[in-house]
Protein backbone atom coordinates (compact mmCIF):
# COMPACT_ATOMS: atom_id res chain seq x y z
CA UNK A 1 0.00 0.00 0.00
CA UNK A 2 2.91 2.36 0.64
CA UNK A 3 4.00 2.41 -3.00
CA UNK A 4 0.54 3.40 -4.17
CA UNK A 5 0.36 6.20 -1.60
CA UNK A 6 3.85 7.37 -2.60
CA UNK A 7 2.83 7.43 -6.25
CA UNK A 8 -0.24 9.59 -5.59
CA UNK A 9 1.70 11.84 -3.24
CA UNK A 10 4.34 12.34 -5.91
CA UNK A 11 1.69 13.12 -8.54
CA UNK A 12 -0.06 15.65 -6.30
CA UNK A 13 3.24 17.28 -5.42
CA UNK A 14 4.29 17.47 -9.05
CA UNK A 15 1.06 19.31 -9.85
CA UNK A 16 1.78 21.86 -7.10
CA UNK A 17 5.43 22.50 -8.02
CA UNK A 18 5.27 21.96 -11.78
CA UNK A 19 6.07 25.63 -12.43
CA UNK A 20 9.48 25.37 -10.73
CA UNK A 21 12.72 24.48 -12.53
CA UNK A 22 13.40 20.71 -12.69
CA UNK A 23 16.27 20.86 -10.19
CA UNK A 24 14.06 22.55 -7.59
CA UNK A 25 11.23 20.11 -8.29
CA UNK A 26 13.61 17.21 -7.68
CA UNK A 27 14.95 18.72 -4.44
CA UNK A 28 11.45 19.31 -3.06
CA UNK A 29 10.21 15.87 -4.12
CA UNK A 30 13.20 14.22 -2.43
CA UNK A 31 12.68 16.28 0.74
CA UNK A 32 9.03 15.24 0.95
CA UNK A 33 9.84 11.57 0.30
CA UNK A 34 12.63 11.59 2.91
CA UNK A 35 10.58 13.44 5.56
CA UNK A 36 6.93 12.46 5.12
CA UNK A 37 6.02 12.89 8.81
CA UNK A 38 7.34 16.46 8.86
CA UNK A 39 5.39 17.46 5.76
CA UNK A 40 2.27 15.70 7.03
CA UNK A 41 2.54 17.75 10.23
CA UNK A 42 2.79 20.96 8.20
CA UNK A 43 -0.18 19.96 6.06
CA UNK A 44 -2.27 19.13 9.13
CA UNK A 45 -1.43 22.47 10.77
CA UNK A 46 -2.38 24.40 7.64
CA UNK A 47 -5.66 22.52 7.41
CA UNK A 48 -6.34 23.12 11.11
CA UNK A 49 -5.78 26.87 10.76
CA UNK A 50 -8.14 26.98 7.81
CA UNK A 51 -10.90 25.05 9.58
CA UNK A 52 -10.62 26.26 13.17
CA UNK A 53 -9.14 29.74 12.80
CA UNK A 54 -11.06 30.57 9.62
CA UNK A 55 -7.91 31.60 7.72
CA UNK A 56 -7.42 31.51 3.98
CA UNK A 57 -5.16 28.83 2.54
CA UNK A 58 -2.49 31.41 1.76
CA UNK A 59 -2.63 33.00 5.21
CA UNK A 60 -2.52 29.63 6.99
CA UNK A 61 0.32 28.40 4.78
CA UNK A 62 2.39 31.52 5.36
CA UNK A 63 1.97 31.28 9.14
CA UNK A 64 2.91 27.62 9.29
CA UNK A 65 5.83 27.99 6.89
CA UNK A 66 7.25 30.87 8.97
CA UNK A 67 6.98 28.64 12.03
CA UNK A 68 8.96 25.85 10.36
CA UNK A 69 11.27 27.98 8.22
CA UNK A 70 14.45 26.83 9.98
CA UNK A 71 13.50 23.17 9.76
CA UNK A 72 12.60 23.55 6.09
CA UNK A 73 15.97 25.15 5.33
CA UNK A 74 17.81 22.29 7.03
CA UNK A 75 15.80 19.67 5.13
CA UNK A 76 16.21 21.35 1.77
CA UNK A 77 19.94 21.87 2.37
CA UNK A 78 20.27 18.16 3.15
CA UNK A 79 21.23 18.55 6.79
């Protein structure tokens, strides 16, 4: 079941980052595949802010991404 989930996750991610250069797409895809729990936590927090704090997707995303900016930098830098 994990391979099927990974496939659909990769397809959904590709749709979201398709406008980025291929090297950046690859780096982000690898980061998500290597750290699925971290990205799930971010996704859940964004969803929670939208539902329970009545924030727009952009506003919720910006808040959560600021919160995890340091962690994201470490992951994307391969540390």
